[in-house]
Amino acid sequence: MRVFSGPDELTKAVGDHLGYSDWHVVDQAQVDAFAEATGDRQWIHVDPERAKDGPFGGTIGHGYLMLSLIPALAAEVYRIDGVRMGVNYGLDKVRFPAPLPTGSRVRAGVSVVSVEPVQGVSKSPTR
């Protein structure tokens, strides 16, 4: 676990590879729960019997499920002390180049590529 004392210290880590999370199995129960939460109940995700004859030989995890795991996986690798909270500002490019068969193990590798201040973002919440 790499611990940063604040955003300024994180800036000093640009270019560093911080490490890897533990391995996590993406099982059918998790895929089903994600399908229920999002309303994306496409058979390729939630119907193991039908998916056996599909293009991947079984069910696959949703791309957005994989994306949603990043905060929890990254939290196993690093944290930033001295901040009240972090907010997901957005993504520049996201692609899902390969299916993730249900039952697969995943982990996150974390590198600090850049740290940039976000212009126009309030430092205190408004009502």
N, C-alpha and C. Protein backbone atom coordinates (compact mmCIF):
# COMPACT_ATOMS: atom_id res chain seq x y z
N MET A 1 0.86 -1.18 0.00
CA MET A 1 0.00 0.00 0.00
C MET A 1 0.89 1.24 0.00
N ARG A 2 0.70 2.07 -0.98
CA ARG A 2 1.45 3.34 -1.04
C ARG A 2 0.53 4.43 -0.49
N VAL A 3 1.02 5.18 0.46
CA VAL A 3 0.23 6.23 1.12
C VAL A 3 0.86 7.58 0.80
N PHE A 4 0.04 8.48 0.27
CA PHE A 4 0.47 9.83 -0.04
C PHE A 4 -0.12 10.77 1.00
N SER A 5 0.66 11.76 1.43
CA SER A 5 0.20 12.67 2.47
C SER A 5 -0.73 13.75 1.92
N GLY A 6 -0.87 13.84 0.63
CA GLY A 6 -1.76 14.81 0.01
C GLY A 6 -1.54 14.86 -1.49
N PRO A 7 -2.32 15.66 -2.18
CA PRO A 7 -2.20 15.75 -3.64
C PRO A 7 -0.80 16.18 -4.11
N ASP A 8 -0.14 17.05 -3.36
CA ASP A 8 1.19 17.49 -3.78
C ASP A 8 2.18 16.32 -3.81
N GLU A 9 2.07 15.43 -2.84
CA GLU A 9 2.95 14.27 -2.82
C GLU A 9 2.62 13.32 -3.97
N LEU A 10 1.35 13.21 -4.32
CA LEU A 10 0.96 12.39 -5.46
C LEU A 10 1.60 12.93 -6.74
N THR A 11 1.66 14.24 -6.88
CA THR A 11 2.27 14.86 -8.05
C THR A 11 3.72 14.42 -8.21
N LYS A 12 4.40 14.26 -7.10
CA LYS A 12 5.81 13.84 -7.14
C LYS A 12 5.96 12.39 -7.62
N ALA A 13 4.88 11.64 -7.64
CA ALA A 13 4.94 10.23 -8.02
C ALA A 13 4.63 10.02 -9.51
N VAL A 14 4.45 11.09 -10.27
CA VAL A 14 4.17 10.93 -11.70
C VAL A 14 5.28 10.09 -12.33
N GLY A 15 4.88 9.09 -13.06
CA GLY A 15 5.82 8.17 -13.69
C GLY A 15 6.04 6.90 -12.89
N ASP A 16 5.57 6.87 -11.65
CA ASP A 16 5.77 5.69 -10.80
C ASP A 16 4.68 4.64 -11.03
N HIS A 17 5.08 3.38 -10.98
CA HIS A 17 4.12 2.28 -10.91
C HIS A 17 3.93 1.99 -9.43
N LEU A 18 2.68 2.07 -8.96
CA LEU A 18 2.41 1.95 -7.53
C LEU A 18 2.20 0.51 -7.07
N GLY A 19 1.90 -0.37 -7.98
CA GLY A 19 1.70 -1.76 -7.61
C GLY A 19 0.43 -2.34 -8.18
N TYR A 20 0.08 -3.51 -7.62
CA TYR A 20 -1.09 -4.26 -8.09
C TYR A 20 -2.02 -4.56 -6.92
N SER A 21 -3.30 -4.61 -7.22
CA SER A 21 -4.28 -5.05 -6.23
C SER A 21 -4.21 -6.57 -6.10
N ASP A 22 -4.94 -7.09 -5.14
CA ASP A 22 -5.12 -8.53 -5.04
C ASP A 22 -5.96 -9.00 -6.23
N TRP A 23 -5.95 -10.29 -6.47
CA TRP A 23 -6.82 -10.88 -7.48
C TRP A 23 -8.24 -10.99 -6.92
N HIS A 24 -9.23 -10.74 -7.78
CA HIS A 24 -10.64 -10.86 -7.41
C HIS A 24 -11.37 -11.65 -8.48
N VAL A 25 -12.21 -12.58 -8.08
CA VAL A 25 -13.00 -13.37 -9.03
C VAL A 25 -14.30 -12.62 -9.32
N VAL A 26 -14.59 -12.46 -10.60
CA VAL A 26 -15.87 -11.87 -11.03
C VAL A 26 -16.80 -13.06 -11.29
N ASP A 27 -17.67 -13.34 -10.31
CA ASP A 27 -18.53 -14.51 -10.42
C ASP A 27 -19.92 -14.16 -10.95
N GLN A 28 -20.70 -15.19 -11.22
CA GLN A 28 -22.03 -14.97 -11.81
C GLN A 28 -22.93 -14.16 -10.89
N ALA A 29 -22.82 -14.35 -9.58
CA ALA A 29 -23.64 -13.57 -8.65
C ALA A 29 -23.36 -12.08 -8.78
N GLN A 30 -22.10 -11.71 -8.94
CA GLN A 30 -21.74 -10.29 -9.09
C GLN A 30 -22.26 -9.76 -10.43
N VAL A 31 -22.12 -10.54 -11.48
CA VAL A 31 -22.63 -10.13 -12.80
C VAL A 31 -24.14 -9.96 -12.74
N ASP A 32 -24.83 -10.90 -12.10
CA ASP A 32 -26.29 -10.81 -11.97
C ASP A 32 -26.71 -9.58 -11.17
N ALA A 33 -25.99 -9.30 -10.08
CA ALA A 33 -26.31 -8.12 -9.26
C ALA A 33 -26.11 -6.83 -10.05
N PHE A 34 -25.05 -6.78 -10.84
CA PHE A 34 -24.81 -5.60 -11.68
C PHE A 34 -25.91 -5.46 -12.72
N ALA A 35 -26.31 -6.57 -13.32
CA ALA A 35 -27.40 -6.54 -14.30
C ALA A 35 -28.69 -6.02 -13.67
N GLU A 36 -28.96 -6.46 -12.47
CA GLU A 36 -30.16 -6.01 -11.77
C GLU A 36 -30.08 -4.52 -11.44
N ALA A 37 -28.94 -4.08 -10.98
CA ALA A 37 -28.77 -2.67 -10.60
C ALA A 37 -28.87 -1.73 -11.79
N THR A 38 -28.41 -2.19 -12.96
CA THR A 38 -28.36 -1.30 -14.13
C THR A 38 -29.48 -1.54 -15.13
N GLY A 39 -30.19 -2.64 -14.98
CA GLY A 39 -31.24 -2.97 -15.95
C GLY A 39 -30.69 -3.60 -17.22
N ASP A 40 -29.39 -3.88 -17.27
CA ASP A 40 -28.78 -4.51 -18.45
C ASP A 40 -28.77 -6.02 -18.24
N ARG A 41 -29.90 -6.64 -18.57
CA ARG A 41 -30.06 -8.09 -18.35
C ARG A 41 -29.87 -8.88 -19.64
N GLN A 42 -29.00 -8.41 -20.52
CA GLN A 42 -28.74 -9.10 -21.78
C GLN A 42 -28.31 -10.54 -21.50
N TRP A 43 -28.81 -11.48 -22.28
CA TRP A 43 -28.57 -12.91 -22.03
C TRP A 43 -27.09 -13.26 -21.96
N ILE A 44 -26.25 -12.58 -22.68
CA ILE A 44 -24.82 -12.91 -22.69
C ILE A 44 -24.19 -12.71 -21.30
N HIS A 45 -24.89 -11.94 -20.46
CA HIS A 45 -24.42 -11.70 -19.10
C HIS A 45 -25.12 -12.59 -18.06
N VAL A 46 -26.41 -12.83 -18.24
CA VAL A 46 -27.20 -13.41 -17.15
C VAL A 46 -27.82 -14.78 -17.41
N ASP A 47 -27.66 -15.33 -18.59
CA ASP A 47 -28.28 -16.62 -18.90
C ASP A 47 -27.20 -17.66 -19.25
N PRO A 48 -26.65 -18.33 -18.23
CA PRO A 48 -25.56 -19.28 -18.47
C PRO A 48 -25.91 -20.39 -19.46
N GLU A 49 -27.14 -20.87 -19.44
CA GLU A 49 -27.52 -21.95 -20.37
C GLU A 49 -27.50 -21.47 -21.81
N ARG A 50 -28.09 -20.35 -22.08
CA ARG A 50 -28.10 -19.80 -23.44
C ARG A 50 -26.69 -19.37 -23.86
N ALA A 51 -25.95 -18.79 -22.93
CA ALA A 51 -24.61 -18.28 -23.23
C ALA A 51 -23.62 -19.40 -23.58
N LYS A 52 -23.90 -20.64 -23.13
CA LYS A 52 -23.02 -21.77 -23.48
C LYS A 52 -22.89 -21.90 -25.00
N ASP A 53 -23.96 -21.58 -25.71
CA ASP A 53 -23.97 -21.69 -27.17
C ASP A 53 -23.66 -20.36 -27.85
N GLY A 54 -23.33 -19.35 -27.07
CA GLY A 54 -23.03 -18.02 -27.61
C GLY A 54 -21.58 -17.92 -28.06
N PRO A 55 -21.19 -16.74 -28.48
CA PRO A 55 -19.86 -16.55 -29.06
C PRO A 55 -18.69 -16.74 -28.08
N PHE A 56 -18.96 -16.72 -26.77
CA PHE A 56 -17.87 -16.81 -25.79
C PHE A 56 -17.92 -18.10 -24.96
N GLY A 57 -18.89 -18.96 -25.23
CA GLY A 57 -18.97 -20.24 -24.55
C GLY A 57 -19.47 -20.16 -23.12
N GLY A 58 -19.96 -19.03 -22.72
CA GLY A 58 -20.49 -18.81 -21.37
C GLY A 58 -20.79 -17.34 -21.18
N THR A 59 -21.25 -16.99 -20.01
CA THR A 59 -21.57 -15.59 -19.74
C THR A 59 -20.29 -14.77 -19.59
N ILE A 60 -20.45 -13.48 -19.82
CA ILE A 60 -19.33 -12.54 -19.67
C ILE A 60 -19.78 -11.38 -18.79
N GLY A 61 -18.82 -10.78 -18.11
CA GLY A 61 -19.09 -9.61 -17.29
C GLY A 61 -19.33 -8.39 -18.17
N HIS A 62 -20.16 -7.49 -17.69
CA HIS A 62 -20.40 -6.22 -18.37
C HIS A 62 -19.12 -5.40 -18.40
N GLY A 63 -18.88 -4.69 -19.47
CA GLY A 63 -17.73 -3.78 -19.52
C GLY A 63 -17.80 -2.75 -18.41
N TYR A 64 -19.00 -2.21 -18.18
CA TYR A 64 -19.12 -1.19 -17.14
C TYR A 64 -18.99 -1.77 -15.73
N LEU A 65 -19.26 -3.05 -15.57
CA LEU A 65 -18.98 -3.69 -14.28
C LEU A 65 -17.47 -3.68 -14.03
N MET A 66 -16.71 -4.05 -15.05
CA MET A 66 -15.25 -4.05 -14.91
C MET A 66 -14.75 -2.65 -14.56
N LEU A 67 -15.28 -1.66 -15.24
CA LEU A 67 -14.90 -0.28 -14.98
C LEU A 67 -15.25 0.14 -13.56
N SER A 68 -16.40 -0.30 -13.07
CA SER A 68 -16.84 0.09 -11.73
C SER A 68 -16.01 -0.53 -10.62
N LEU A 69 -15.24 -1.57 -10.93
CA LEU A 69 -14.38 -2.20 -9.93
C LEU A 69 -13.10 -1.42 -9.66
N ILE A 70 -12.75 -0.51 -10.56
CA ILE A 70 -11.47 0.19 -10.44
C ILE A 70 -11.29 0.90 -9.10
N PRO A 71 -12.26 1.66 -8.59
CA PRO A 71 -12.01 2.32 -7.30
C PRO A 71 -11.69 1.35 -6.16
N ALA A 72 -12.41 0.23 -6.09
CA ALA A 72 -12.15 -0.73 -5.01
C ALA A 72 -10.79 -1.40 -5.20
N LEU A 73 -10.45 -1.74 -6.43
CA LEU A 73 -9.15 -2.38 -6.68
C LEU A 73 -8.01 -1.41 -6.42
N ALA A 74 -8.16 -0.17 -6.89
CA ALA A 74 -7.10 0.83 -6.69
C ALA A 74 -6.91 1.15 -5.21
N ALA A 75 -7.99 1.08 -4.42
CA ALA A 75 -7.90 1.36 -2.99
C ALA A 75 -7.02 0.34 -2.26
N GLU A 76 -6.78 -0.80 -2.88
CA GLU A 76 -5.87 -1.78 -2.30
C GLU A 76 -4.41 -1.43 -2.59
N VAL A 77 -4.19 -0.50 -3.51
CA VAL A 77 -2.84 -0.17 -3.96
C VAL A 77 -2.34 1.13 -3.34
N TYR A 78 -3.20 2.13 -3.24
CA TYR A 78 -2.76 3.44 -2.73
C TYR A 78 -3.91 4.18 -2.08
N ARG A 79 -3.54 5.18 -1.28
CA ARG A 79 -4.52 6.12 -0.74
C ARG A 79 -3.85 7.47 -0.59
N ILE A 80 -4.69 8.50 -0.53
CA ILE A 80 -4.19 9.86 -0.34
C ILE A 80 -4.78 10.38 0.96
N ASP A 81 -3.94 10.61 1.95
CA ASP A 81 -4.39 11.18 3.21
C ASP A 81 -4.51 12.69 3.06
N GLY A 82 -5.23 13.31 3.97
CA GLY A 82 -5.33 14.77 3.98
C GLY A 82 -6.33 15.33 2.98
N VAL A 83 -7.20 14.50 2.45
CA VAL A 83 -8.28 14.99 1.58
C VAL A 83 -9.61 14.52 2.16
N ARG A 84 -10.62 15.35 1.99
CA ARG A 84 -11.93 14.99 2.55
C ARG A 84 -12.62 13.92 1.73
N MET A 85 -12.48 13.98 0.41
CA MET A 85 -13.10 12.99 -0.45
C MET A 85 -12.51 13.11 -1.84
N GLY A 86 -12.73 12.09 -2.63
CA GLY A 86 -12.35 12.12 -4.03
C GLY A 86 -13.59 11.97 -4.88
N VAL A 87 -13.60 12.58 -6.02
CA VAL A 87 -14.74 12.52 -6.93
C VAL A 87 -14.25 12.06 -8.29
N ASN A 88 -14.97 11.14 -8.88
CA ASN A 88 -14.64 10.70 -10.24
C ASN A 88 -15.01 11.83 -11.19
N TYR A 89 -14.02 12.47 -11.74
CA TYR A 89 -14.22 13.61 -12.64
C TYR A 89 -14.63 13.17 -14.03
N GLY A 90 -14.26 11.99 -14.44
CA GLY A 90 -14.63 11.49 -15.75
C GLY A 90 -13.50 10.71 -16.40
N LEU A 91 -13.72 10.34 -17.63
CA LEU A 91 -12.78 9.51 -18.36
C LEU A 91 -12.54 10.12 -19.73
N ASP A 92 -11.32 10.01 -20.20
CA ASP A 92 -11.02 10.50 -21.53
C ASP A 92 -11.35 9.44 -22.58
N LYS A 93 -10.80 8.27 -22.45
CA LYS A 93 -11.05 7.18 -23.39
C LYS A 93 -11.22 5.89 -22.62
N VAL A 94 -12.29 5.18 -22.93
CA VAL A 94 -12.51 3.87 -22.34
C VAL A 94 -12.93 2.94 -23.46
N ARG A 95 -12.27 1.81 -23.56
CA ARG A 95 -12.63 0.79 -24.54
C ARG A 95 -12.64 -0.55 -23.82
N PHE A 96 -13.45 -1.46 -24.31
CA PHE A 96 -13.52 -2.81 -23.77
C PHE A 96 -13.09 -3.76 -24.88
N PRO A 97 -11.78 -3.96 -25.05
CA PRO A 97 -11.27 -4.69 -26.21
C PRO A 97 -11.45 -6.21 -26.18
N ALA A 98 -11.81 -6.77 -25.03
CA ALA A 98 -11.95 -8.22 -24.95
C ALA A 98 -13.02 -8.57 -23.91
N PRO A 99 -13.71 -9.68 -24.12
CA PRO A 99 -14.71 -10.10 -23.13
C PRO A 99 -14.03 -10.61 -21.87
N LEU A 100 -14.76 -10.55 -20.77
CA LEU A 100 -14.27 -11.11 -19.51
C LEU A 100 -15.20 -12.25 -19.13
N PRO A 101 -14.79 -13.50 -19.37
CA PRO A 101 -15.65 -14.62 -19.00
C PRO A 101 -15.96 -14.63 -17.50
N THR A 102 -17.21 -14.87 -17.18
CA THR A 102 -17.60 -14.95 -15.78
C THR A 102 -16.79 -16.06 -15.11
N GLY A 103 -16.31 -15.77 -13.91
CA GLY A 103 -15.44 -16.68 -13.19
C GLY A 103 -13.97 -16.32 -13.32
N SER A 104 -13.67 -15.32 -14.16
CA SER A 104 -12.28 -14.88 -14.34
C SER A 104 -11.79 -14.12 -13.13
N ARG A 105 -10.47 -14.12 -12.97
CA ARG A 105 -9.84 -13.32 -11.92
C ARG A 105 -9.36 -12.02 -12.55
N VAL A 106 -9.53 -10.92 -11.83
CA VAL A 106 -9.06 -9.62 -12.28
C VAL A 106 -8.26 -8.96 -11.16
N ARG A 107 -7.37 -8.06 -11.56
CA ARG A 107 -6.67 -7.22 -10.61
C ARG A 107 -6.32 -5.93 -11.34
N ALA A 108 -5.97 -4.91 -10.57
CA ALA A 108 -5.60 -3.62 -11.15
C ALA A 108 -4.12 -3.37 -10.95
N GLY A 109 -3.48 -2.87 -11.98
CA GLY A 109 -2.14 -2.32 -11.89
C GLY A 109 -2.28 -0.82 -11.93
N VAL A 110 -1.63 -0.12 -11.01
CA VAL A 110 -1.83 1.32 -10.89
C VAL A 110 -0.52 2.06 -11.14
N SER A 111 -0.58 3.02 -12.06
CA SER A 111 0.54 3.91 -12.35
C SER A 111 0.05 5.34 -12.32
N VAL A 112 0.90 6.25 -11.88
CA VAL A 112 0.56 7.68 -11.91
C VAL A 112 1.09 8.22 -13.23
N VAL A 113 0.19 8.51 -14.14
CA VAL A 113 0.57 8.99 -15.46
C VAL A 113 0.70 10.50 -15.46
N SER A 114 -0.26 11.16 -14.82
CA SER A 114 -0.19 12.62 -14.70
C SER A 114 -1.09 13.06 -13.55
N VAL A 115 -0.83 14.24 -13.05
CA VAL A 115 -1.66 14.86 -12.03
C VAL A 115 -1.87 16.29 -12.51
N GLU A 116 -3.12 16.64 -12.72
CA GLU A 116 -3.44 17.96 -13.25
C GLU A 116 -4.56 18.59 -12.44
N PRO A 117 -4.42 19.86 -12.08
CA PRO A 117 -5.53 20.51 -11.39
C PRO A 117 -6.71 20.65 -12.36
N VAL A 118 -7.91 20.55 -11.82
CA VAL A 118 -9.11 20.67 -12.63
C VAL A 118 -9.64 22.09 -12.48
N GLN A 119 -9.67 22.80 -13.57
CA GLN A 119 -10.14 24.18 -13.55
C GLN A 119 -11.66 24.22 -13.40
N GLY A 120 -12.14 25.16 -12.63
CA GLY A 120 -13.58 25.37 -12.50
C GLY A 120 -14.27 24.45 -11.53
N VAL A 121 -13.52 23.64 -10.81
CA VAL A 121 -14.14 22.74 -9.83
C VAL A 121 -14.04 23.41 -8.47
N SER A 122 -15.18 23.56 -7.82
CA SER A 122 -15.23 24.19 -6.52
C SER A 122 -14.53 23.33 -5.48
N LYS A 123 -13.81 23.95 -4.58
CA LYS A 123 -13.14 23.21 -3.51
C LYS A 123 -14.09 22.94 -2.35
N SER A 124 -15.25 23.57 -2.35
CA SER A 124 -16.23 23.29 -1.31
C SER A 124 -17.59 23.06 -1.96
N PRO A 125 -18.37 22.15 -1.40
CA PRO A 125 -19.66 21.85 -2.01
C PRO A 125 -20.60 23.06 -1.96
N THR A 126 -21.42 23.17 -2.98
CA THR A 126 -22.45 24.22 -3.02
C THR A 126 -23.80 23.56 -2.88
N ARG A 127 -24.75 24.33 -2.47
CA ARG A 127 -26.11 23.79 -2.30
C ARG A 127 -27.04 24.41 -3.28
